[in-house]
């Protein structure tokens, strides 16, 4: 288990380029936390969007 903190907190950022498959944003929270908020037209697209966001932006 990694117990260290990142050198700087994450910054607010849009995680999708177009709204065709949904929209997602990364919002920093207090401490070493971040919130991903996502919206999509159906559950399958939402799950894909969240999985992609997790694997590309949060798994470090």
N, C-alpha and C. Protein backbone atom coordinates (compact mmCIF):
# COMPACT_ATOMS: atom_id res chain seq x y z
N UNK A 1 0.83 -1.16 0.00
CA UNK A 1 0.00 0.00 0.00
C UNK A 1 0.88 1.24 0.00
N UNK A 2 0.60 2.15 -0.89
CA UNK A 2 1.35 3.40 -0.97
C UNK A 2 0.76 4.40 0.04
N UNK A 3 1.60 4.91 0.92
CA UNK A 3 1.10 5.82 1.94
C UNK A 3 1.50 7.27 1.71
N UNK A 4 2.30 7.54 0.70
CA UNK A 4 2.73 8.90 0.42
C UNK A 4 1.67 9.70 -0.32
N UNK A 5 1.77 11.00 -0.24
CA UNK A 5 0.87 11.88 -0.95
C UNK A 5 1.53 12.38 -2.22
N UNK A 6 0.73 12.76 -3.18
CA UNK A 6 1.26 13.34 -4.41
C UNK A 6 1.86 14.71 -4.07
N UNK A 7 2.83 15.17 -4.84
CA UNK A 7 3.47 16.46 -4.55
C UNK A 7 2.50 17.64 -4.63
N UNK A 8 1.47 17.53 -5.45
CA UNK A 8 0.48 18.61 -5.57
C UNK A 8 -0.91 17.98 -5.73
N UNK A 9 -1.93 18.63 -5.21
CA UNK A 9 -3.28 18.07 -5.37
C UNK A 9 -3.71 18.13 -6.82
N UNK A 10 -4.65 17.27 -7.21
CA UNK A 10 -5.14 17.34 -8.59
C UNK A 10 -5.87 18.66 -8.83
N UNK A 11 -5.89 19.09 -10.05
CA UNK A 11 -6.60 20.32 -10.40
C UNK A 11 -7.91 19.96 -11.07
N UNK A 12 -8.86 20.89 -11.07
CA UNK A 12 -10.12 20.67 -11.77
C UNK A 12 -9.82 20.50 -13.25
N UNK A 13 -10.42 19.48 -13.85
CA UNK A 13 -10.22 19.29 -15.28
C UNK A 13 -11.37 18.53 -15.90
N UNK A 14 -11.70 18.90 -17.11
CA UNK A 14 -12.68 18.14 -17.89
C UNK A 14 -11.98 16.89 -18.40
N UNK A 15 -12.64 15.75 -18.27
CA UNK A 15 -12.01 14.48 -18.64
C UNK A 15 -12.47 13.97 -19.99
N UNK A 16 -13.43 14.63 -20.59
CA UNK A 16 -13.90 14.24 -21.92
C UNK A 16 -13.76 15.41 -22.86
N UNK A 17 -13.53 15.12 -24.11
CA UNK A 17 -13.35 16.18 -25.10
C UNK A 17 -14.68 16.58 -25.76
N UNK A 18 -15.56 15.60 -26.00
CA UNK A 18 -16.86 15.88 -26.61
C UNK A 18 -17.96 15.26 -25.76
N UNK A 19 -19.18 15.70 -25.96
CA UNK A 19 -20.29 15.18 -25.16
C UNK A 19 -20.97 13.99 -25.81
N UNK A 20 -20.44 13.48 -26.91
CA UNK A 20 -21.08 12.38 -27.64
C UNK A 20 -21.26 11.14 -26.76
N UNK A 21 -20.25 10.76 -25.99
CA UNK A 21 -20.33 9.57 -25.15
C UNK A 21 -20.56 9.91 -23.69
N UNK A 22 -20.74 11.16 -23.35
CA UNK A 22 -20.95 11.57 -21.98
C UNK A 22 -19.95 12.63 -21.56
N UNK A 23 -20.15 13.15 -20.37
CA UNK A 23 -19.25 14.18 -19.84
C UNK A 23 -18.74 13.75 -18.48
N UNK A 24 -17.49 14.08 -18.18
CA UNK A 24 -16.90 13.77 -16.88
C UNK A 24 -15.93 14.87 -16.49
N UNK A 25 -15.90 15.18 -15.19
CA UNK A 25 -14.97 16.17 -14.66
C UNK A 25 -14.31 15.62 -13.41
N UNK A 26 -13.10 16.03 -13.17
CA UNK A 26 -12.34 15.67 -11.97
C UNK A 26 -12.25 16.91 -11.10
N UNK A 27 -12.73 16.81 -9.86
CA UNK A 27 -12.74 17.93 -8.93
C UNK A 27 -11.92 17.55 -7.70
N UNK A 28 -10.93 18.35 -7.32
CA UNK A 28 -10.14 18.03 -6.12
C UNK A 28 -10.98 18.24 -4.86
N UNK A 29 -10.73 17.41 -3.86
CA UNK A 29 -11.35 17.53 -2.55
C UNK A 29 -10.26 17.80 -1.51
N UNK A 30 -10.65 18.09 -0.31
CA UNK A 30 -9.68 18.31 0.76
C UNK A 30 -8.86 17.05 1.00
N UNK A 31 -7.58 17.23 1.27
CA UNK A 31 -6.71 16.07 1.50
C UNK A 31 -6.35 15.40 0.20
N UNK A 32 -6.00 14.12 0.27
CA UNK A 32 -5.55 13.41 -0.94
C UNK A 32 -6.72 12.77 -1.69
N UNK A 33 -7.77 13.52 -1.95
CA UNK A 33 -8.95 12.94 -2.57
C UNK A 33 -9.38 13.75 -3.79
N UNK A 34 -10.11 13.08 -4.67
CA UNK A 34 -10.67 13.74 -5.85
C UNK A 34 -12.03 13.11 -6.12
N UNK A 35 -12.91 13.88 -6.71
CA UNK A 35 -14.26 13.43 -7.04
C UNK A 35 -14.41 13.45 -8.55
N UNK A 36 -14.86 12.34 -9.11
CA UNK A 36 -15.18 12.29 -10.53
C UNK A 36 -16.69 12.33 -10.65
N UNK A 37 -17.19 13.31 -11.42
CA UNK A 37 -18.61 13.43 -11.69
C UNK A 37 -18.82 13.16 -13.16
N UNK A 38 -19.76 12.26 -13.47
CA UNK A 38 -19.97 11.88 -14.87
C UNK A 38 -21.46 11.77 -15.17
N UNK A 39 -21.79 12.03 -16.42
CA UNK A 39 -23.15 11.88 -16.91
C UNK A 39 -23.08 11.31 -18.33
N UNK A 40 -23.98 10.39 -18.63
CA UNK A 40 -24.02 9.77 -19.95
C UNK A 40 -25.46 9.41 -20.29
N UNK A 41 -25.70 9.08 -21.54
CA UNK A 41 -27.07 8.81 -22.00
C UNK A 41 -27.62 7.47 -21.52
N UNK A 42 -26.76 6.53 -21.17
CA UNK A 42 -27.24 5.26 -20.63
C UNK A 42 -26.18 4.65 -19.71
N UNK A 43 -26.55 3.60 -19.03
CA UNK A 43 -25.67 2.98 -18.04
C UNK A 43 -24.40 2.39 -18.62
N UNK A 44 -24.49 1.81 -19.80
CA UNK A 44 -23.31 1.21 -20.42
C UNK A 44 -22.27 2.28 -20.75
N UNK A 45 -22.71 3.39 -21.31
CA UNK A 45 -21.79 4.48 -21.63
C UNK A 45 -21.21 5.11 -20.35
N UNK A 46 -22.05 5.20 -19.32
CA UNK A 46 -21.57 5.74 -18.05
C UNK A 46 -20.49 4.83 -17.46
N UNK A 47 -20.71 3.52 -17.45
CA UNK A 47 -19.72 2.58 -16.92
C UNK A 47 -18.43 2.67 -17.71
N UNK A 48 -18.52 2.73 -19.04
CA UNK A 48 -17.31 2.84 -19.88
C UNK A 48 -16.57 4.14 -19.56
N UNK A 49 -17.30 5.22 -19.41
CA UNK A 49 -16.69 6.52 -19.10
C UNK A 49 -15.98 6.48 -17.76
N UNK A 50 -16.62 5.91 -16.74
CA UNK A 50 -15.99 5.83 -15.42
C UNK A 50 -14.78 4.89 -15.42
N UNK A 51 -14.87 3.76 -16.11
CA UNK A 51 -13.73 2.85 -16.19
C UNK A 51 -12.55 3.49 -16.91
N UNK A 52 -12.82 4.20 -18.00
CA UNK A 52 -11.76 4.87 -18.73
C UNK A 52 -11.12 5.96 -17.89
N UNK A 53 -11.95 6.72 -17.19
CA UNK A 53 -11.43 7.78 -16.31
C UNK A 53 -10.55 7.20 -15.22
N UNK A 54 -10.99 6.11 -14.63
CA UNK A 54 -10.21 5.49 -13.55
C UNK A 54 -8.86 4.98 -14.06
N UNK A 55 -8.88 4.32 -15.21
CA UNK A 55 -7.63 3.73 -15.70
C UNK A 55 -6.66 4.76 -16.25
N UNK A 56 -7.15 5.89 -16.75
CA UNK A 56 -6.25 6.86 -17.36
C UNK A 56 -5.86 8.03 -16.43
N UNK A 57 -6.70 8.35 -15.46
CA UNK A 57 -6.43 9.54 -14.65
C UNK A 57 -6.19 9.25 -13.16
N UNK A 58 -6.69 8.14 -12.65
CA UNK A 58 -6.63 7.93 -11.21
C UNK A 58 -5.74 6.78 -10.78
N UNK A 59 -5.36 5.90 -11.66
CA UNK A 59 -4.52 4.75 -11.31
C UNK A 59 -3.06 5.11 -11.44
N UNK A 60 -2.48 5.61 -10.39
CA UNK A 60 -1.06 6.00 -10.43
C UNK A 60 -0.31 5.37 -9.31
